[in-house]
């Protein structure tokens, strides 16, 4: 069967020139999207799910357009990937130019400048006033795996600590690091050994100050694992899939300081929080921490698959030659896209725009919360904001309400994503190219869905 006819007049060009409007010409899914979803059911493994019942054919600015001509407001950015906007002109031009030159040589075989350029840029822009080096990979999970490899090689130790509610990927090691069972881990074990879990600072639920929460963690590390056995502590500065949990002030600096005093590699997983998403280039800056290693992916390359580990040169150089790499790691087309994206982040006001978006999201959600106690908490930074839905009396997580609100919003043409260990959080991750009018309209739809639930 032929692909969907993307030459149809209902299908506009991609990129920021798309009409920035919510437009529903059919119920979702429309007939052409339904056709593709039927083919998906026949051809694609059942474990590969989807959130929005559409066949996307174009995206840009703050919208995603489907094969039936519906235009949806995008409040998800492909899970924080298209931060500079889908099909950004600088990214698209860089990709086209590189594809016309060469698509692959394997950097480990025939090196090329764009890989080195991305490493140089990452070494410059990541937190930390020390000499750094980088290595490039394909996905966030792959970056995390390699960060753990590097830390173990550097320290000669094996144990690794991750945190409650944390998410680090779907490979065997990163599943072990990830806290949530369904859908990420259930039935896929056994998992990698020497992975331990510590309690996360979760102010809405634990009521602890940052210092108290850190002391609880440090006691556990010292008594249950032992500093001499610990290679690395890995943490998302603001947890993503776990529910956009922002730790209490002082928590992260205390953990990082303990790691440094005990020769433990402190790894910040900034796969979701990186590249202007939080209103800072990296979320570590919010908390005043300088990670030994930092993992990045998602927003790094405007939608192309690229990831990195960046950190202290003496730690990054611990591996023997050939110990790091991969056939596609630092693919030249993805590197070209990354260099263009970093240029946009640094020079086109994107960080400032993330802060503006965050102010709108926070103000609107707090206003809704005033009259609806089912929103137990509003939290986050920049264009990474979440609302946690609860029973107003007990604060018990309300996953059913969360799912109903998200489903109703999607049916009305607004892409929203849920998250959280308890499935009771809606996360807002709009592209940083979205306009205020479109953003507010999307929030209007979410508010109406909550009122009707």
Protein backbone atom coordinates (compact mmCIF):
# COMPACT_ATOMS: atom_id res chain seq x y z
CA UNK A 1 0.00 0.00 0.00
CA UNK A 2 1.27 3.46 -0.87
CA UNK A 3 2.16 6.00 1.75
CA UNK A 4 -0.44 8.61 2.63
CA UNK A 5 -0.68 11.19 -0.13
CA UNK A 6 1.25 14.10 1.34
CA UNK A 7 0.79 16.03 -1.91
CA UNK A 8 -2.87 16.61 -1.06
CA UNK A 9 -3.89 20.28 -0.91
CA UNK A 10 -4.98 19.79 2.73
CA UNK A 11 -1.35 19.19 3.69
CA UNK A 12 0.61 22.44 4.16
CA UNK A 13 4.35 22.86 4.15
CA UNK A 14 6.17 22.17 7.39
CA UNK A 15 8.12 24.65 9.46
CA UNK A 16 7.23 27.92 11.12
CA UNK A 17 5.29 29.21 8.09
CA UNK A 18 2.41 26.86 8.97
CA UNK A 19 -0.77 28.69 9.98
CA UNK A 20 -0.53 29.00 13.75
CA UNK A 21 -4.03 27.94 14.63
CA UNK A 22 -6.00 25.14 16.20
CA UNK A 23 -8.20 23.70 13.48
CA UNK A 24 -10.37 20.59 13.63
CA UNK A 25 -11.99 19.58 10.36
CA UNK A 26 -12.71 16.01 11.50
CA UNK A 27 -13.02 14.13 14.74
CA UNK A 28 -9.75 12.50 15.79
CA UNK A 29 -8.71 10.32 14.19
CA UNK A 30 -9.87 11.49 10.80
CA UNK A 31 -10.24 8.91 8.02
CA UNK A 32 -6.72 9.26 6.65
CA UNK A 33 -5.17 9.13 10.10
CA UNK A 34 -7.35 6.11 10.91
CA UNK A 35 -5.96 4.42 7.80
CA UNK A 36 -2.38 4.87 8.99
CA UNK A 37 -3.23 3.76 12.53
CA UNK A 38 -4.77 0.59 11.12
CA UNK A 39 -1.60 -0.06 9.17
CA UNK A 40 0.41 0.62 12.33
CA UNK A 41 -1.59 -1.99 14.22
CA UNK A 42 -0.80 -4.55 11.50
CA UNK A 43 2.87 -3.70 10.98
CA UNK A 44 4.30 -2.23 14.19
CA UNK A 45 4.97 -4.15 17.42
CA UNK A 46 2.18 -3.71 19.94
CA UNK A 47 4.64 -2.43 22.55
CA UNK A 48 5.16 0.75 20.52
CA UNK A 49 2.19 2.81 21.64
CA UNK A 50 1.03 6.31 20.73
CA UNK A 51 -0.61 9.16 22.62
CA UNK A 52 -2.38 11.17 19.91
CA UNK A 53 -4.52 9.40 17.27
CA UNK A 54 -3.23 11.25 14.22
CA UNK A 55 -0.93 10.75 11.25
CA UNK A 56 1.38 13.75 11.41
CA UNK A 57 2.41 15.24 8.07
CA UNK A 58 3.74 18.68 9.04
CA UNK A 59 4.75 20.63 12.13
CA UNK A 60 6.20 24.00 13.00
CA UNK A 61 5.85 26.94 15.36
CA UNK A 62 3.37 25.61 17.91
CA UNK A 63 1.28 23.23 15.80
CA UNK A 64 1.24 19.69 14.41
CA UNK A 65 -0.85 19.07 11.29
CA UNK A 66 -2.31 15.67 10.43
CA UNK A 67 -3.17 13.94 7.17
CA UNK A 68 -6.79 15.05 7.42
CA UNK A 69 -5.93 18.74 7.68
CA UNK A 70 -6.43 19.02 11.44
CA UNK A 71 -4.04 21.43 13.13
CA UNK A 72 -3.29 20.62 16.76
CA UNK A 73 -1.68 22.87 19.36
CA UNK A 74 1.57 21.23 20.41
CA UNK A 75 2.22 21.35 24.15
CA UNK A 76 4.58 18.37 24.09
CA UNK A 77 7.39 19.08 21.59
CA UNK A 78 7.81 15.36 20.94
CA UNK A 79 8.75 15.03 24.65
CA UNK A 80 10.93 18.16 24.84
CA UNK A 81 12.79 17.50 21.58
CA UNK A 82 11.68 20.21 19.14
CA UNK A 83 12.48 23.04 21.52
CA UNK A 84 13.70 25.42 18.79
CA UNK A 85 10.55 24.59 16.84
CA UNK A 86 9.87 21.85 14.34
CA UNK A 87 11.64 22.23 11.00
CA UNK A 88 13.43 25.38 12.18
CA UNK A 89 14.87 27.08 9.07
CA UNK A 90 18.45 27.08 10.37
CA UNK A 91 18.24 23.41 11.31
CA UNK A 92 16.57 22.39 8.06
CA UNK A 93 19.16 24.26 5.99
CA UNK A 94 22.06 22.73 7.94
CA UNK A 95 20.63 19.24 7.53
CA UNK A 96 20.11 19.68 3.78
CA UNK A 97 23.61 21.06 3.26
CA UNK A 98 25.26 18.23 5.20
CA UNK A 99 23.16 15.54 3.50
CA UNK A 100 24.37 16.83 0.15
CA UNK A 101 28.01 16.47 1.26
CA UNK A 102 28.00 13.08 3.00
CA UNK A 103 25.63 11.23 5.29
CA UNK A 104 28.05 8.97 7.16
CA UNK A 105 31.65 7.89 7.46
CA UNK A 106 31.64 6.76 11.12
CA UNK A 107 33.60 9.19 13.24
CA UNK A 108 35.70 6.33 14.60
CA UNK A 109 36.82 5.56 11.02
CA UNK A 110 37.06 8.93 9.29
CA UNK A 111 36.60 11.88 11.67
CA UNK A 112 34.89 15.09 10.53
CA UNK A 113 34.73 18.64 11.80
CA UNK A 114 31.07 18.85 12.84
CA UNK A 115 31.50 16.18 15.55
CA UNK A 116 34.45 18.09 16.96
CA UNK A 117 32.47 21.33 16.71
CA UNK A 118 29.58 19.91 18.72
CA UNK A 119 32.00 18.62 21.37
CA UNK A 120 33.66 22.04 21.56
CA UNK A 121 30.29 23.75 21.92
CA UNK A 122 29.15 21.38 24.66
CA UNK A 123 32.42 21.79 26.53
CA UNK A 124 31.87 25.55 26.42
CA UNK A 125 28.19 25.85 27.32
CA UNK A 126 27.70 23.12 29.94
CA UNK A 127 28.04 24.13 33.61
CA UNK A 128 31.46 23.95 35.23
CA UNK A 129 34.53 26.15 35.18
CA UNK A 130 36.99 23.37 34.40
CA UNK A 131 38.47 21.64 31.37
CA UNK A 132 35.90 19.36 29.75
CA UNK A 133 35.65 16.78 27.01
CA UNK A 134 32.64 15.21 25.28
CA UNK A 135 31.62 12.03 23.49
CA UNK A 136 28.60 11.80 21.19
CA UNK A 137 25.99 9.05 20.98
CA UNK A 138 22.49 8.49 19.61
CA UNK A 139 19.96 8.61 22.45
CA UNK A 140 19.56 9.71 26.02
CA UNK A 141 19.65 6.14 27.27
CA UNK A 142 22.89 5.53 25.39
CA UNK A 143 24.40 8.67 26.91
CA UNK A 144 23.42 7.52 30.40
CA UNK A 145 24.89 4.05 29.80
CA UNK A 146 28.18 5.58 28.72
CA UNK A 147 28.27 8.04 31.61
CA UNK A 148 28.02 5.08 34.00
CA UNK A 149 30.74 3.23 32.07
CA UNK A 150 33.02 6.25 32.30
CA UNK A 151 32.36 6.74 36.01
CA UNK A 152 33.06 3.10 36.79
CA UNK A 153 36.27 3.14 34.76
CA UNK A 154 37.43 6.36 36.43
CA UNK A 155 36.71 5.28 40.01
CA UNK A 156 37.36 1.56 39.78
CA UNK A 157 34.09 1.09 41.68
CA UNK A 158 30.82 -0.54 40.61
CA UNK A 159 27.83 0.71 42.62
CA UNK A 160 25.53 3.37 41.16
CA UNK A 161 22.75 5.29 42.90
CA UNK A 162 19.63 6.61 41.19
CA UNK A 163 16.56 8.19 42.78
CA UNK A 164 12.91 7.47 43.42
CA UNK A 165 10.72 8.71 40.55
CA UNK A 166 13.76 8.95 38.26
CA UNK A 167 13.69 8.04 34.59
CA UNK A 168 16.85 7.31 32.60
CA UNK A 169 15.85 5.11 29.65
CA UNK A 170 14.69 1.75 28.36
CA UNK A 171 17.93 -0.23 27.86
CA UNK A 172 18.84 -2.88 30.43
CA UNK A 173 21.06 -0.65 32.57
CA UNK A 174 18.85 2.40 32.25
CA UNK A 175 15.75 0.36 33.12
CA UNK A 176 17.54 -0.60 36.31
CA UNK A 177 18.17 3.09 36.98
CA UNK A 178 14.55 4.01 36.18
CA UNK A 179 12.13 3.85 39.10
CA UNK A 180 8.73 3.34 37.49
CA UNK A 181 7.71 -0.21 36.66
CA UNK A 182 4.84 0.21 34.18
CA UNK A 183 5.31 0.61 31.33
CA UNK A 184 9.11 0.81 31.38
CA UNK A 185 10.32 -2.22 33.34
CA UNK A 186 7.53 -4.69 33.98
CA UNK A 187 8.42 -8.13 32.63
CA UNK A 188 11.75 -7.08 31.14
CA UNK A 189 14.12 -8.19 33.91
CA UNK A 190 16.50 -9.26 35.24
CA UNK A 191 18.19 -5.89 35.30
CA UNK A 192 21.80 -4.77 35.62
CA UNK A 193 23.27 -5.31 39.10
CA UNK A 194 24.88 -2.87 41.53
CA UNK A 195 22.15 -0.24 41.08
CA UNK A 196 20.67 1.26 44.25
CA UNK A 197 17.84 3.70 44.82
CA UNK A 198 17.66 6.69 47.15
CA UNK A 199 14.70 8.88 48.15
CA UNK A 200 14.16 11.97 46.03
CA UNK A 201 13.39 15.36 47.49
CA UNK A 202 9.67 15.79 46.69
CA UNK A 203 8.50 18.90 48.57
CA UNK A 204 4.81 18.47 47.76
CA UNK A 205 4.78 15.00 49.31
CA UNK A 206 7.65 14.70 51.81
CA UNK A 207 7.52 18.17 53.36
CA UNK A 208 11.28 18.15 53.94
CA UNK A 209 13.69 21.03 53.55
CA UNK A 210 16.51 20.45 51.11
CA UNK A 211 19.12 19.87 53.79
CA UNK A 212 16.92 17.36 55.60
CA UNK A 213 16.18 15.46 52.41
CA UNK A 214 19.88 15.39 51.49
CA UNK A 215 20.90 14.16 54.95
CA UNK A 216 18.43 11.29 54.58
CA UNK A 217 20.02 10.32 51.27
CA UNK A 218 23.60 10.65 52.50
CA UNK A 219 22.92 8.45 55.53
CA UNK A 220 21.52 5.78 53.24
CA UNK A 221 24.50 5.98 50.89
CA UNK A 222 26.98 5.67 53.72
CA UNK A 223 25.23 2.91 55.65
CA UNK A 224 23.64 0.79 52.92
CA UNK A 225 26.22 1.05 50.13
CA UNK A 226 29.41 2.65 51.43
CA UNK A 227 31.18 5.53 49.73
CA UNK A 228 34.18 3.35 48.88
CA UNK A 229 31.94 1.12 46.74
CA UNK A 230 30.10 3.91 44.95
CA UNK A 231 31.12 4.93 41.44
CA UNK A 232 28.39 7.45 40.66
CA UNK A 233 25.22 9.18 41.72
CA UNK A 234 22.93 10.04 38.81
CA UNK A 235 19.99 12.41 39.09
CA UNK A 236 17.77 14.58 36.93
CA UNK A 237 18.02 18.12 38.37
CA UNK A 238 14.28 18.35 37.69
CA UNK A 239 12.76 14.93 37.19
CA UNK A 240 10.99 14.43 33.89
CA UNK A 241 8.90 11.30 33.58
CA UNK A 242 8.73 11.14 37.38
CA UNK A 243 6.47 14.20 37.41
CA UNK A 244 8.59 17.34 36.93
CA UNK A 245 9.62 17.11 40.55
CA UNK A 246 11.71 20.12 41.59
CA UNK A 247 13.89 19.27 44.60
CA UNK A 248 13.89 21.53 47.64
CA UNK A 249 16.49 24.28 47.76
CA UNK A 250 19.84 22.99 48.96
CA UNK A 251 19.19 19.32 48.15
CA UNK A 252 21.27 19.02 44.99
CA UNK A 253 24.25 21.09 46.20
CA UNK A 254 24.48 18.95 49.35
CA UNK A 255 24.46 15.70 47.36
CA UNK A 256 27.01 17.06 44.88
CA UNK A 257 29.29 18.24 47.70
CA UNK A 258 29.16 14.84 49.41
CA UNK A 259 30.00 13.13 46.11
CA UNK A 260 33.00 15.37 45.57
CA UNK A 261 34.28 14.80 49.10
CA UNK A 262 34.05 11.03 48.65
CA UNK A 263 35.39 10.63 45.12
CA UNK A 264 31.96 9.73 43.73
CA UNK A 265 31.13 10.94 40.20
CA UNK A 266 28.08 13.22 40.27
CA UNK A 267 26.11 12.82 37.03
CA UNK A 268 23.34 15.23 36.04
CA UNK A 269 20.92 13.65 33.58
CA UNK A 270 19.79 16.71 31.61
CA UNK A 271 18.32 14.80 28.69
CA UNK A 272 14.92 16.45 29.23
CA UNK A 273 15.94 19.59 31.12
CA UNK A 274 18.78 20.64 28.85
CA UNK A 275 19.02 23.28 26.12
CA UNK A 276 16.93 26.21 27.36
CA UNK A 277 13.93 24.09 28.36
CA UNK A 278 13.91 25.40 31.96
CA UNK A 279 14.70 29.03 31.10
CA UNK A 280 18.39 28.31 31.59
CA UNK A 281 20.65 26.55 29.13
CA UNK A 282 20.85 23.72 31.69
CA UNK A 283 18.78 23.12 34.81
CA UNK A 284 21.94 22.57 36.87
CA UNK A 285 22.46 26.33 36.67
CA UNK A 286 19.22 26.90 38.61
CA UNK A 287 20.61 25.02 41.59
CA UNK A 288 24.18 26.28 41.38
CA UNK A 289 25.72 22.85 40.78
CA UNK A 290 28.57 21.86 38.47
CA UNK A 291 28.14 18.17 37.60
CA UNK A 292 31.20 16.02 37.03
CA UNK A 293 29.38 14.54 34.03
CA UNK A 294 26.25 15.73 32.26
CA UNK A 295 24.15 13.72 29.81
CA UNK A 296 22.20 15.47 27.06
CA UNK A 297 19.95 14.52 24.15
CA UNK A 298 16.37 15.47 23.14
CA UNK A 299 16.59 19.23 22.41
CA UNK A 300 20.23 19.06 21.34
CA UNK A 301 19.64 18.69 17.58
CA UNK A 302 16.22 20.07 16.68
CA UNK A 303 14.64 16.64 16.25
CA UNK A 304 17.52 14.56 14.94
CA UNK A 305 18.90 11.69 17.05
CA UNK A 306 21.97 12.84 18.95
CA UNK A 307 23.14 12.57 22.55
CA UNK A 308 26.26 13.37 24.51
CA UNK A 309 28.22 12.89 27.67
CA UNK A 310 30.22 15.96 28.68
CA UNK A 311 32.36 16.36 31.76
CA UNK A 312 35.63 16.81 33.53
CA UNK A 313 38.44 15.95 31.14
CA UNK A 314 40.23 13.70 33.61
CA UNK A 315 37.05 11.63 34.09
CA UNK A 316 36.11 11.57 30.40
CA UNK A 317 39.62 10.40 29.50
CA UNK A 318 39.45 7.41 31.88
CA UNK A 319 38.37 5.02 29.15
CA UNK A 320 40.88 3.21 26.96
CA UNK A 321 40.85 3.97 23.23
CA UNK A 322 37.94 2.23 21.57
CA UNK A 323 36.01 1.92 24.83
CA UNK A 324 33.55 4.65 23.80
CA UNK A 325 31.80 5.07 20.49
CA UNK A 326 29.26 3.47 18.18
CA UNK A 327 28.62 3.23 14.47
CA UNK A 328 26.17 6.13 14.31
CA UNK A 329 27.31 8.15 17.33
CA UNK A 330 27.74 11.77 16.30
CA UNK A 331 26.28 11.23 12.84
CA UNK A 332 27.29 14.17 10.61
CA UNK A 333 23.71 15.18 9.76
CA UNK A 334 22.72 15.16 13.43
CA UNK A 335 25.86 17.15 14.29
CA UNK A 336 25.00 19.75 11.66
CA UNK A 337 21.53 20.03 13.17
CA UNK A 338 23.02 20.36 16.66
CA UNK A 339 25.36 23.17 15.67
CA UNK A 340 22.45 25.04 14.09
CA UNK A 341 20.25 24.42 17.15
CA UNK A 342 22.93 25.61 19.57
CA UNK A 343 23.29 28.75 17.47
CA UNK A 344 19.54 29.35 17.85
CA UNK A 345 19.64 28.70 21.60
CA UNK A 346 22.51 31.12 22.12
CA UNK A 347 21.61 33.92 19.72
CA UNK A 348 17.88 33.99 18.99
CA UNK A 349 16.41 34.77 22.41
CA UNK A 350 15.19 31.23 23.03
CA UNK A 351 16.22 31.09 26.70
CA UNK A 352 14.33 34.31 27.38
CA UNK A 353 11.33 32.93 25.50
CA UNK A 354 11.35 29.81 27.69
CA UNK A 355 11.08 32.04 30.74
CA UNK A 356 8.18 33.97 29.22
CA UNK A 357 6.37 30.73 28.43
CA UNK A 358 6.98 29.55 31.97
CA UNK A 359 5.46 32.71 33.40
CA UNK A 360 2.33 32.23 31.30
CA UNK A 361 1.99 28.54 32.14
CA UNK A 362 2.55 29.05 35.85
CA UNK A 363 0.22 32.02 36.16
CA UNK A 364 -2.59 30.31 34.27
CA UNK A 365 -2.30 27.03 36.17
CA UNK A 366 -2.11 28.74 39.56
CA UNK A 367 -5.21 30.74 38.64
CA UNK A 368 -7.07 27.53 37.81
CA UNK A 369 -5.83 25.98 41.05
CA UNK A 370 -7.43 28.79 43.09
CA UNK A 371 -10.88 27.50 42.17
CA UNK A 372 -10.09 23.82 41.73
CA UNK A 373 -8.31 22.02 44.56
CA UNK A 374 -7.92 18.93 42.40
CA UNK A 375 -4.74 20.62 41.18
CA UNK A 376 -2.60 19.80 44.17
CA UNK A 377 0.64 21.32 42.94
CA UNK A 378 1.97 23.49 40.12
CA UNK A 379 5.73 23.29 39.68
CA UNK A 380 8.63 23.55 37.29
CA UNK A 381 10.86 26.10 35.62
CA UNK A 382 10.67 27.81 32.25
CA UNK A 383 8.79 25.89 29.59
CA UNK A 384 8.83 22.75 31.74
CA UNK A 385 5.79 23.11 33.99
CA UNK A 386 3.50 20.48 35.49
CA UNK A 387 0.18 20.23 37.29
CA UNK A 388 -0.28 17.35 39.74
CA UNK A 389 -3.88 16.15 40.13
CA UNK A 390 -5.03 14.81 43.48
CA UNK A 391 -7.98 14.07 45.70
CA UNK A 392 -8.57 17.47 47.34
CA UNK A 393 -9.07 15.98 50.80
CA UNK A 394 -6.28 13.41 51.02
CA UNK A 395 -3.77 14.55 48.35
CA UNK A 396 -3.92 10.99 47.02
CA UNK A 397 -2.87 10.88 43.36
CA UNK A 398 -5.78 10.98 40.91
CA UNK A 399 -4.60 9.20 37.79
CA UNK A 400 -8.12 8.73 36.44
CA UNK A 401 -8.79 12.47 36.43
CA UNK A 402 -5.43 13.14 34.81
CA UNK A 403 -6.10 10.67 32.02
CA UNK A 404 -9.58 12.06 31.45
CA UNK A 405 -8.34 15.65 31.19
CA UNK A 406 -5.56 14.69 28.79
CA UNK A 407 -7.89 12.61 26.61
CA UNK A 408 -10.45 15.41 26.42
CA UNK A 409 -7.82 18.02 25.57
CA UNK A 410 -6.37 15.86 22.80
CA UNK A 411 -9.85 15.29 21.36
CA UNK A 412 -10.19 19.08 21.15
CA UNK A 413 -6.89 19.45 19.30
CA UNK A 414 -4.37 20.09 22.09
CA UNK A 415 -1.44 17.72 22.50
CA UNK A 416 -0.67 17.22 26.19
CA UNK A 417 1.39 14.52 27.88
CA UNK A 418 0.92 12.83 31.22
CA UNK A 419 3.69 11.64 33.52
CA UNK A 420 4.50 10.90 37.14
CA UNK A 421 5.14 7.73 39.09
CA UNK A 422 1.45 7.70 40.00
CA UNK A 423 0.25 8.77 36.54
CA UNK A 424 -1.35 11.90 37.98
CA UNK A 425 0.66 14.71 36.37
CA UNK A 426 0.12 16.64 33.14
CA UNK A 427 3.37 18.10 31.86
CA UNK A 428 3.56 21.14 29.63
CA UNK A 429 6.51 21.14 27.21
CA UNK A 430 5.57 23.49 24.37
CA UNK A 431 8.08 24.28 21.64
CA UNK A 432 9.82 27.52 22.49
CA UNK A 433 8.60 28.83 19.14
CA UNK A 434 4.94 28.83 20.21
CA UNK A 435 3.11 32.15 20.32
CA UNK A 436 1.28 33.51 23.35
CA UNK A 437 -2.14 33.37 21.70
CA UNK A 438 -1.78 29.71 20.77
CA UNK A 439 -0.35 28.82 24.18
CA UNK A 440 -3.23 30.49 25.99
CA UNK A 441 -5.78 28.83 23.74
CA UNK A 442 -4.25 25.47 24.55
CA UNK A 443 -4.49 26.24 28.26
CA UNK A 444 -8.12 27.31 27.80
CA UNK A 445 -8.88 23.87 26.35
CA UNK A 446 -7.11 22.10 29.22
CA UNK A 447 -9.00 24.22 31.76
CA UNK A 448 -12.31 23.42 30.09
CA UNK A 449 -11.46 19.72 30.06
CA UNK A 450 -10.71 19.83 33.78
CA UNK A 451 -13.93 21.71 34.54
CA UNK A 452 -15.94 19.12 32.62
CA UNK A 453 -14.21 16.08 34.13
